[in-house]
Amino acid sequence: MKKLDRRAFIKNTIGLSTGMVTMPMLLQSFKLAELPVRALTQGPKQHWFGYYDKFQTDPSGRYVLGMELQEFFRSPTSDDSVKIGMVDTADNNKWIELGTSKAFGWQQGCMLQWIPGSGEEVIWNDREGDAFVSRIYNYKTGKIRTLPKAIYTLSPDGMYAIGTEFSRIQNLRPGYGYAGVKDPYEKIKAPAEIGIYRMDLKDGKNELIISLEQMAAVPHQGKDVRDNWHWFNHLLISPDSKRFIFLHRWRDKIMDRQDMARKGFVTRMFTANENGKDLFNLDPSGYTSHFIWRDPQHICAWTQPQEHEAAFYLFKDKVGSFEVVGKQDMVENGHNTYVPGTKGEWILNDTYAHGSSNRFQHLFLYHVPTAKKVTLGKFNEPEQYVGEWRCDLHPKCNQAGTKVFFDSTHGGNGRQMYMIDINELLEA
């Protein structure tokens, strides 16, 4: 088959041509047969990576990080530990063990990821005594060093991390924090002593840059919200390493664990510079969910701005303007990222499984300039994977933007990691 250049591929497959052009066989094969799905891990042990906004692969794309665990359907406890490893895709998907962690959850794992700019060092969170820490491991030398705080997000320049207290998250949003360390401020609604901290990745020096007391004092839609239980969630540094996003959340009462894990809180999205200054309330709606930076000035997020429908919106930082993205095709909340190397033209996304039977999670690409969607596959999630221990696809690309990696339970052997090569699709 003769390859089309990128412009011709988009023009012909999405119906923009003025000539007598039908959908080419190339896209038909993607639509009907889907692209081959390659299993990277096998049972009986469970393997997964977790959240969608981190580097799962090294710069070469050869090594794919993951966690390994015997299957269980409950919340992790302080007695549980998970093995850290990576798959060597150039050596028959060989599993290489790197270490262990006692600080993990089903959704975000232990924040395992490659340090940006490094082809040798990976980082993950762990528990040491009564404190959460982070480990930096060099897989070539075998050397490991420990930083005194857990990380949540890393700067793309590889210089610093932004974090918040996982004991606080676990107390107020179970399943997104870690077991094993008690929140020392569990009886205080908005403590001044904890919040968001910045930590140097070289020497571990850290400082509190935004406190919960500070953010609770900021009115929400003209109302005083200090008399609520406050925490921070979902932090992400901008592509130029100069600003970061965080979600400020609160609930008016403490519920039982199951209810707190799924409902009863308000969310607003802020941005700030790397030292916690120049705060901007980017989404004051109260509904912000998943988000990703498109570039240093724009963020794509699922939310419902006042007097608007729930959808993905592209926000401009420090301005607050927004516009709908994927109005006809990205109609469900999902884990959205931009495919590297496509200048923000392609979005990778997924959906949740619904109901008690035929619980399919959809994986797809969306082409922003032409508002067209390419489905990569749909994957059944058995009904026992629900609530905190559900297995979201959490798709992400390798650093070159040529392959998609995701977690799934569709293969019949539990939670495993999979890969789809999308290079031919994007470059055809």
Protein backbone atom coordinates (compact mmCIF):
# COMPACT_ATOMS: atom_id res chain seq x y z
CA MET A 1 0.00 0.00 0.00
CA LYS A 2 1.32 3.40 -0.93
CA LYS A 3 1.73 5.66 2.09
CA LEU A 4 -0.12 8.93 2.19
CA ASP A 5 1.51 12.03 3.53
CA ARG A 6 0.06 13.30 6.82
CA ARG A 7 -2.10 16.02 5.21
CA ALA A 8 -3.50 13.63 2.61
CA PHE A 9 -4.26 10.99 5.25
CA ILE A 10 -6.28 13.39 7.36
CA LYS A 11 -7.98 14.96 4.36
CA ASN A 12 -9.01 11.70 2.74
CA THR A 13 -9.97 9.68 5.81
CA ILE A 14 -12.04 12.39 7.46
CA GLY A 15 -13.99 13.42 4.38
CA LEU A 16 -12.53 16.87 3.72
CA SER A 17 -11.59 16.15 0.13
CA THR A 18 -13.65 17.82 -2.56
CA GLY A 19 -12.93 14.98 -4.95
CA MET A 20 -14.45 11.52 -5.29
CA VAL A 21 -12.48 10.03 -2.38
CA THR A 22 -13.77 7.29 -0.11
CA MET A 23 -12.33 6.16 3.22
CA PRO A 24 -9.04 4.43 2.38
CA MET A 25 -8.35 0.83 3.29
CA LEU A 26 -5.79 1.95 5.88
CA LEU A 27 -8.36 3.59 8.14
CA GLN A 28 -10.90 0.87 7.42
CA SER A 29 -8.49 -1.65 8.95
CA PHE A 30 -8.15 0.53 12.02
CA LYS A 31 -11.91 0.93 12.37
CA LEU A 32 -12.95 -2.66 11.77
CA ALA A 33 -10.04 -4.81 12.85
CA GLU A 34 -8.44 -2.33 15.25
CA LEU A 35 -4.70 -2.18 15.70
CA PRO A 36 -2.93 -5.19 17.21
CA VAL A 37 -2.95 -5.19 21.02
CA ARG A 38 0.23 -6.59 22.53
CA ALA A 39 0.19 -7.99 26.07
CA LEU A 40 3.32 -6.95 27.94
CA THR A 41 2.67 -8.96 31.12
CA GLN A 42 0.94 -12.20 32.04
CA GLY A 43 -0.81 -13.67 35.08
CA PRO A 44 -1.26 -15.13 37.58
CA LYS A 45 0.36 -12.13 39.27
CA GLN A 46 -1.18 -8.74 38.61
CA HIS A 47 0.73 -6.00 36.75
CA TRP A 48 -0.27 -2.40 36.25
CA PHE A 49 1.16 1.12 36.09
CA GLY A 50 -1.64 3.39 37.23
CA TYR A 51 -2.19 7.03 36.44
CA TYR A 52 -2.03 8.53 32.98
CA ASP A 53 0.09 11.72 33.29
CA LYS A 54 3.54 10.24 33.92
CA PHE A 55 6.43 8.73 31.93
CA GLN A 56 5.91 4.96 31.93
CA THR A 57 8.65 4.39 29.36
CA ASP A 58 12.27 5.50 29.18
CA PRO A 59 13.27 7.90 26.34
CA SER A 60 14.15 4.98 24.05
CA GLY A 61 10.78 3.35 24.59
CA ARG A 62 12.38 -0.01 25.36
CA TYR A 63 11.67 -0.24 29.09
CA VAL A 64 8.10 -0.08 30.43
CA LEU A 65 7.59 0.45 34.14
CA GLY A 66 4.99 -1.41 36.17
CA MET A 67 4.02 -2.88 39.53
CA GLU A 68 3.49 -6.53 40.46
CA LEU A 69 1.14 -7.91 43.09
CA GLN A 70 -0.95 -10.94 43.99
CA GLU A 71 -4.57 -10.18 43.21
CA PHE A 72 -6.93 -9.01 45.92
CA PHE A 73 -10.15 -7.03 45.95
CA ARG A 74 -9.81 -4.62 48.86
CA SER A 75 -7.98 -1.49 49.90
CA PRO A 76 -4.22 -1.88 50.43
CA THR A 77 -3.23 -1.92 54.10
CA SER A 78 -0.05 -0.95 55.93
CA ASP A 79 1.02 -4.61 55.73
CA ASP A 80 0.83 -4.79 51.93
CA SER A 81 3.74 -4.13 49.60
CA VAL A 82 4.04 -4.02 45.85
CA LYS A 83 6.99 -5.02 43.66
CA ILE A 84 8.43 -2.40 41.31
CA GLY A 85 9.76 -3.54 37.94
CA MET A 86 9.99 -2.91 34.23
CA VAL A 87 9.31 -4.85 31.07
CA ASP A 88 12.12 -5.12 28.52
CA THR A 89 10.22 -4.99 25.22
CA ALA A 90 13.41 -5.87 23.31
CA ASP A 91 13.90 -9.10 25.27
CA ASN A 92 10.63 -11.00 24.97
CA ASN A 93 8.92 -8.74 27.53
CA LYS A 94 11.27 -9.87 30.28
CA TRP A 95 10.23 -8.62 33.74
CA ILE A 96 13.10 -6.92 35.59
CA GLU A 97 12.54 -6.32 39.30
CA LEU A 98 13.74 -2.96 40.64
CA GLY A 99 12.48 -2.72 44.21
CA THR A 100 9.39 -2.64 46.43
CA SER A 101 7.01 -0.09 47.92
CA LYS A 102 4.73 0.07 50.94
CA ALA A 103 3.00 3.23 49.71
CA PHE A 104 0.59 2.53 46.88
CA GLY A 105 -3.04 2.60 45.78
CA TRP A 106 -4.99 1.01 42.96
CA GLN A 107 -5.49 4.19 40.92
CA GLN A 108 -2.21 6.09 41.08
CA GLY A 109 0.05 3.28 42.22
CA CYS A 110 3.13 4.61 44.03
CA MET A 111 3.71 7.50 41.57
CA LEU A 112 6.23 5.29 39.75
CA GLN A 113 7.79 7.05 36.73
CA TRP A 114 10.96 7.81 34.81
CA ILE A 115 12.62 11.03 35.87
CA PRO A 116 12.25 13.42 32.91
CA GLY A 117 15.40 13.67 30.83
CA SER A 118 16.90 10.49 32.28
CA GLY A 119 17.28 7.13 30.65
CA GLU A 120 18.60 5.55 33.84
CA GLU A 121 16.70 6.82 36.88
CA VAL A 122 13.18 5.99 38.03
CA ILE A 123 11.36 7.26 41.10
CA TRP A 124 8.55 5.94 43.29
CA ASN A 125 6.99 6.59 46.68
CA ASP A 126 7.55 4.34 49.67
CA ARG A 127 6.97 4.27 53.43
CA GLU A 128 9.83 4.42 55.91
CA GLY A 129 8.77 4.17 59.54
CA ASP A 130 5.99 6.70 60.10
CA ALA A 131 6.79 8.81 57.04
CA PHE A 132 6.22 8.65 53.30
CA VAL A 133 9.40 9.10 51.27
CA SER A 134 10.49 8.70 47.65
CA ARG A 135 13.17 6.42 46.19
CA ILE A 136 15.31 7.24 43.18
CA TYR A 137 16.78 4.12 41.59
CA ASN A 138 19.41 3.95 38.85
CA TYR A 139 18.79 0.69 37.03
CA LYS A 140 22.22 0.71 35.37
CA THR A 141 24.26 1.15 38.57
CA GLY A 142 21.80 -0.37 41.04
CA LYS A 143 22.25 2.60 43.34
CA ILE A 144 19.26 3.94 45.24
CA ARG A 145 18.83 7.13 47.21
CA THR A 146 15.97 8.30 49.38
CA LEU A 147 14.33 11.72 49.44
CA PRO A 148 12.56 12.80 52.66
CA LYS A 149 9.12 13.47 51.10
CA ALA A 150 6.80 11.65 48.72
CA ILE A 151 6.36 13.09 45.24
CA TYR A 152 3.17 13.78 43.31
CA THR A 153 4.44 15.39 40.09
CA LEU A 154 7.88 16.01 38.58
CA SER A 155 9.04 19.05 36.63
CA PRO A 156 9.74 18.25 32.96
CA ASP A 157 13.23 19.69 33.39
CA GLY A 158 13.89 16.97 36.00
CA MET A 159 14.91 19.44 38.71
CA TYR A 160 12.13 19.40 41.31
CA ALA A 161 8.95 17.74 42.53
CA ILE A 162 5.69 19.09 43.87
CA GLY A 163 3.87 17.06 46.50
CA THR A 164 1.20 17.03 49.17
CA GLU A 165 0.47 14.88 52.21
CA PHE A 166 -0.81 11.43 51.24
CA SER A 167 -1.95 10.80 54.81
CA ARG A 168 -4.33 13.75 54.44
CA ILE A 169 -5.63 12.46 51.10
CA GLN A 170 -6.17 8.99 52.52
CA ASN A 171 -8.09 10.49 55.42
CA LEU A 172 -10.46 12.53 53.22
CA ARG A 173 -10.40 10.74 49.82
CA PRO A 174 -9.58 7.08 50.56
CA GLY A 175 -7.91 5.22 47.73
CA TYR A 176 -5.89 8.17 46.48
CA GLY A 177 -3.60 8.34 49.48
CA TYR A 178 -1.62 5.61 51.21
CA ALA A 179 -2.21 3.45 54.27
CA GLY A 180 0.27 3.28 57.13
CA VAL A 181 0.73 6.89 58.26
CA LYS A 182 -1.90 8.65 60.34
CA ASP A 183 -2.91 12.19 59.40
CA PRO A 184 -1.57 14.20 62.35
CA TYR A 185 -4.09 16.94 61.60
CA GLU A 186 -7.14 14.72 61.14
CA LYS A 187 -9.13 16.76 63.66
CA ILE A 188 -8.29 20.12 62.01
CA LYS A 189 -10.35 21.22 59.03
CA ALA A 190 -7.75 23.42 57.32
CA PRO A 191 -4.34 23.12 59.00
CA ALA A 192 -1.68 25.76 58.42
CA GLU A 193 1.15 23.27 58.88
CA ILE A 194 0.53 21.14 55.78
CA GLY A 195 -0.42 21.61 52.14
CA ILE A 196 1.67 21.68 48.97
CA TYR A 197 5.45 21.47 49.13
CA ARG A 198 8.27 21.84 46.63
CA MET A 199 11.23 19.44 46.83
CA ASP A 200 14.59 19.50 45.05
CA LEU A 201 15.23 16.15 43.33
CA LYS A 202 18.99 16.38 43.86
CA ASP A 203 19.30 17.07 47.59
CA GLY A 204 15.74 16.59 48.89
CA LYS A 205 15.46 20.10 50.33
CA ASN A 206 11.80 20.99 50.60
CA GLU A 207 9.50 23.75 51.76
CA LEU A 208 5.79 24.29 52.26
CA ILE A 209 4.63 26.69 49.54
CA ILE A 210 0.81 26.64 49.86
CA SER A 211 -1.02 25.67 53.06
CA LEU A 212 -4.52 24.28 53.43
CA GLU A 213 -5.35 27.17 55.75
CA GLN A 214 -4.33 29.63 53.03
CA MET A 215 -6.56 28.06 50.36
CA ALA A 216 -9.53 27.52 52.69
CA ALA A 217 -9.53 31.27 53.31
CA VAL A 218 -10.19 31.96 49.60
CA PRO A 219 -13.99 32.33 49.16
CA HIS A 220 -15.77 30.05 46.72
CA GLN A 221 -18.33 31.83 44.54
CA GLY A 222 -18.65 34.49 47.23
CA LYS A 223 -19.05 32.03 50.12
CA ASP A 224 -16.76 31.36 53.08
CA VAL A 225 -15.64 27.70 52.94
CA ARG A 226 -13.29 27.55 55.90
CA ASP A 227 -15.71 25.48 57.99
CA ASN A 228 -15.11 22.38 55.83
CA TRP A 229 -12.56 19.57 55.63
CA HIS A 230 -9.88 20.56 53.09
CA TRP A 231 -7.21 18.70 51.10
CA PHE A 232 -5.24 18.90 47.84
CA ASN A 233 -5.32 16.39 44.99
CA HIS A 234 -4.00 15.88 41.45
CA LEU A 235 -1.00 18.14 40.99
CA LEU A 236 0.73 18.53 37.62
CA ILE A 237 3.63 20.76 36.53
CA SER A 238 3.50 22.64 33.21
CA PRO A 239 5.60 21.58 30.19
CA ASP A 240 8.01 24.51 30.72
CA SER A 241 8.42 23.64 34.44
CA LYS A 242 7.36 27.15 35.49
CA ARG A 243 3.82 26.62 36.84
CA PHE A 244 1.69 23.82 38.22
CA ILE A 245 -1.97 22.86 38.57
CA PHE A 246 -3.56 21.63 41.76
CA LEU A 247 -7.08 20.72 42.77
CA HIS A 248 -8.32 22.23 46.03
CA ARG A 249 -11.07 20.02 47.46
CA TRP A 250 -13.29 20.03 50.52
CA ARG A 251 -16.26 18.23 52.02
CA ASP A 252 -18.63 19.46 54.71
CA LYS A 253 -18.56 16.28 56.80
CA ILE A 254 -16.64 13.07 57.38
CA MET A 255 -18.51 10.06 55.98
CA ASP A 256 -17.82 6.35 56.02
CA ARG A 257 -14.91 5.25 53.85
CA GLN A 258 -16.98 4.00 50.91
CA ASP A 259 -18.98 7.21 50.60
CA MET A 260 -15.92 9.43 50.94
CA ALA A 261 -14.20 7.51 48.16
CA ARG A 262 -16.84 8.42 45.59
CA LYS A 263 -18.89 11.47 46.51
CA GLY A 264 -19.55 14.49 48.63
CA PHE A 265 -16.80 16.96 47.79
CA VAL A 266 -16.33 20.23 45.90
CA THR A 267 -13.37 20.88 43.60
CA ARG A 268 -11.77 23.98 42.16
CA MET A 269 -8.68 24.13 39.97
CA PHE A 270 -5.85 26.58 40.59
CA THR A 271 -2.52 27.25 38.92
CA ALA A 272 0.53 28.76 40.59
CA ASN A 273 4.18 29.33 39.80
CA GLU A 274 6.76 26.83 41.02
CA ASN A 275 7.12 28.62 44.38
CA GLY A 276 3.38 28.71 45.07
CA LYS A 277 2.97 32.40 44.18
CA ASP A 278 0.87 34.08 41.47
CA LEU A 279 -2.19 31.94 42.22
CA PHE A 280 -4.95 31.83 39.62
CA ASN A 281 -8.37 30.20 40.00
CA LEU A 282 -8.61 28.66 36.55
CA ASP A 283 -11.83 26.70 37.08
CA PRO A 284 -14.03 27.95 39.95
CA SER A 285 -16.98 25.76 38.93
CA GLY A 286 -16.58 23.21 41.71
CA TYR A 287 -16.55 20.29 39.25
CA THR A 288 -13.01 19.93 37.86
CA SER A 289 -11.99 16.34 37.17
CA HIS A 290 -9.25 14.98 34.87
CA PHE A 291 -6.95 17.45 33.15
CA ILE A 292 -3.70 17.75 31.20
CA TRP A 293 -1.45 20.59 30.04
CA ARG A 294 -1.51 21.03 26.26
CA ASP A 295 1.31 23.59 26.38
CA PRO A 296 2.57 26.08 28.98
CA GLN A 297 -0.50 28.30 28.53
CA HIS A 298 -3.38 25.85 28.01
CA ILE A 299 -5.04 23.08 30.03
CA CYS A 300 -7.65 20.61 28.77
CA ALA A 301 -9.98 19.51 31.58
CA TRP A 302 -13.28 17.72 32.11
CA THR A 303 -15.56 20.03 34.07
CA GLN A 304 -18.86 21.90 34.00
CA PRO A 305 -18.42 25.68 34.02
CA GLN A 306 -21.35 27.71 35.29
CA GLU A 307 -24.25 27.73 32.80
CA HIS A 308 -22.45 25.22 30.56
CA GLU A 309 -22.75 21.47 30.04
CA ALA A 310 -20.22 18.96 31.33
CA ALA A 311 -17.52 18.43 28.73
CA PHE A 312 -13.81 18.70 28.03
CA TYR A 313 -12.78 22.35 27.90
CA LEU A 314 -9.55 24.00 26.84
CA PHE A 315 -8.66 26.72 29.37
CA LYS A 316 -6.11 29.49 28.97
CA ASP A 317 -4.02 29.91 32.09
CA LYS A 318 -4.09 33.29 33.91
CA VAL A 319 -6.93 34.36 31.60
CA GLY A 320 -9.69 31.88 32.37
CA SER A 321 -11.20 31.78 28.89
CA PHE A 322 -12.32 28.35 27.69
CA GLU A 323 -13.79 26.48 24.72
CA VAL A 324 -15.26 22.99 24.27
CA VAL A 325 -13.00 20.23 22.94
CA GLY A 326 -14.51 17.14 21.28
CA LYS A 327 -18.12 18.19 21.78
CA GLN A 328 -19.55 15.34 19.70
CA ASP A 329 -16.97 12.63 20.38
CA MET A 330 -15.45 13.12 23.84
CA VAL A 331 -18.75 13.15 25.68
CA GLU A 332 -17.68 11.17 28.76
CA ASN A 333 -15.17 11.93 31.47
CA GLY A 334 -11.90 10.12 30.81
CA HIS A 335 -8.14 10.22 31.23
CA ASN A 336 -6.98 12.62 28.54
CA THR A 337 -3.46 13.31 27.30
CA TYR A 338 -1.95 14.90 24.21
CA VAL A 339 0.07 12.59 21.97
CA PRO A 340 3.71 13.77 22.06
CA GLY A 341 5.09 15.14 18.81
CA THR A 342 1.71 16.06 17.32
CA LYS A 343 1.70 19.72 18.42
CA GLY A 344 -1.52 19.24 20.35
CA GLU A 345 -3.45 17.91 17.33
CA TRP A 346 -4.11 14.42 18.71
CA ILE A 347 -5.67 13.57 22.08
CA LEU A 348 -5.50 10.09 23.61
CA ASN A 349 -8.47 9.27 25.84
CA ASP A 350 -10.60 6.54 27.38
CA THR A 351 -13.95 5.96 29.05
CA TYR A 352 -15.09 4.18 32.20
CA ALA A 353 -16.92 0.86 32.24
CA HIS A 354 -20.62 1.14 33.05
CA GLY A 355 -23.28 -1.21 34.38
CA SER A 356 -23.01 -4.81 35.52
CA SER A 357 -22.67 -6.57 32.16
CA ASN A 358 -20.95 -5.74 28.84
CA ARG A 359 -18.75 -3.38 30.83
CA PHE A 360 -16.64 -1.98 28.01
CA GLN A 361 -13.96 0.66 28.38
CA HIS A 362 -13.31 2.50 25.14
CA LEU A 363 -9.84 3.60 24.06
CA PHE A 364 -9.58 6.20 21.30
CA LEU A 365 -7.66 8.99 19.60
CA TYR A 366 -9.28 12.31 18.76
CA HIS A 367 -8.00 14.64 16.04
CA VAL A 368 -8.68 18.19 17.22
CA PRO A 369 -8.33 20.17 13.94
CA THR A 370 -10.84 17.99 12.11
CA ALA A 371 -13.00 16.91 15.07
CA LYS A 372 -12.77 13.22 14.22
CA LYS A 373 -12.35 10.18 16.40
CA VAL A 374 -10.41 6.95 15.79
CA THR A 375 -11.30 4.05 18.09
CA LEU A 376 -8.34 1.90 19.11
CA GLY A 377 -10.40 -0.72 20.89
CA LYS A 378 -12.96 -1.55 23.54
CA PHE A 379 -12.04 -3.72 26.50
CA ASN A 380 -14.32 -5.57 28.89
CA GLU A 381 -13.81 -4.99 32.60
CA PRO A 382 -15.29 -7.80 34.75
CA GLU A 383 -17.79 -6.62 37.33
CA GLN A 384 -15.59 -7.44 40.34
CA TYR A 385 -13.29 -4.56 39.30
CA VAL A 386 -15.35 -1.72 40.72
CA GLY A 387 -14.97 1.19 43.10
CA GLU A 388 -11.52 1.78 44.54
CA TRP A 389 -10.01 -1.37 42.97
CA ARG A 390 -11.42 -0.84 39.48
CA CYS A 391 -8.88 -1.00 36.65
CA ASP A 392 -9.12 2.15 34.54
CA LEU A 393 -7.26 2.03 31.24
CA HIS A 394 -5.27 5.16 32.17
CA PRO A 395 -3.72 5.34 28.67
CA LYS A 396 -0.48 7.14 28.00
CA CYS A 397 2.07 7.26 25.17
CA ASN A 398 5.75 6.55 25.08
CA GLN A 399 7.88 9.69 25.04
CA ALA A 400 8.09 9.63 21.23
CA GLY A 401 4.30 9.44 20.83
CA THR A 402 4.40 6.31 18.67
CA LYS A 403 2.91 3.73 21.06
CA VAL A 404 0.02 3.64 23.54
CA PHE A 405 0.25 1.81 26.88
CA PHE A 406 -2.67 0.96 29.13
CA ASP A 407 -3.80 -1.26 32.00
CA SER A 408 -6.72 -3.62 31.48
CA THR A 409 -8.52 -6.69 32.85
CA HIS A 410 -10.01 -7.80 29.52
CA GLY A 411 -7.55 -10.66 28.93
CA GLY A 412 -9.01 -13.00 31.53
CA ASN A 413 -5.88 -13.15 33.68
CA GLY A 414 -6.44 -10.14 35.88
CA ARG A 415 -4.91 -6.70 35.80
CA GLN A 416 -2.18 -6.57 33.10
CA MET A 417 -0.31 -4.06 30.92
CA TYR A 418 -0.83 -3.72 27.16
CA MET A 419 0.60 -1.81 24.21
CA ILE A 420 -0.71 -0.61 20.82
CA ASP A 421 1.59 0.76 18.11
CA ILE A 422 -0.03 3.89 16.62
CA ASN A 423 2.94 5.10 14.58
CA GLU A 424 1.53 3.96 11.23
CA LEU A 425 -1.77 5.67 11.95
CA LEU A 426 -0.21 9.03 12.83
CA GLU A 427 2.43 9.10 10.13
CA ALA A 428 0.55 7.50 7.24
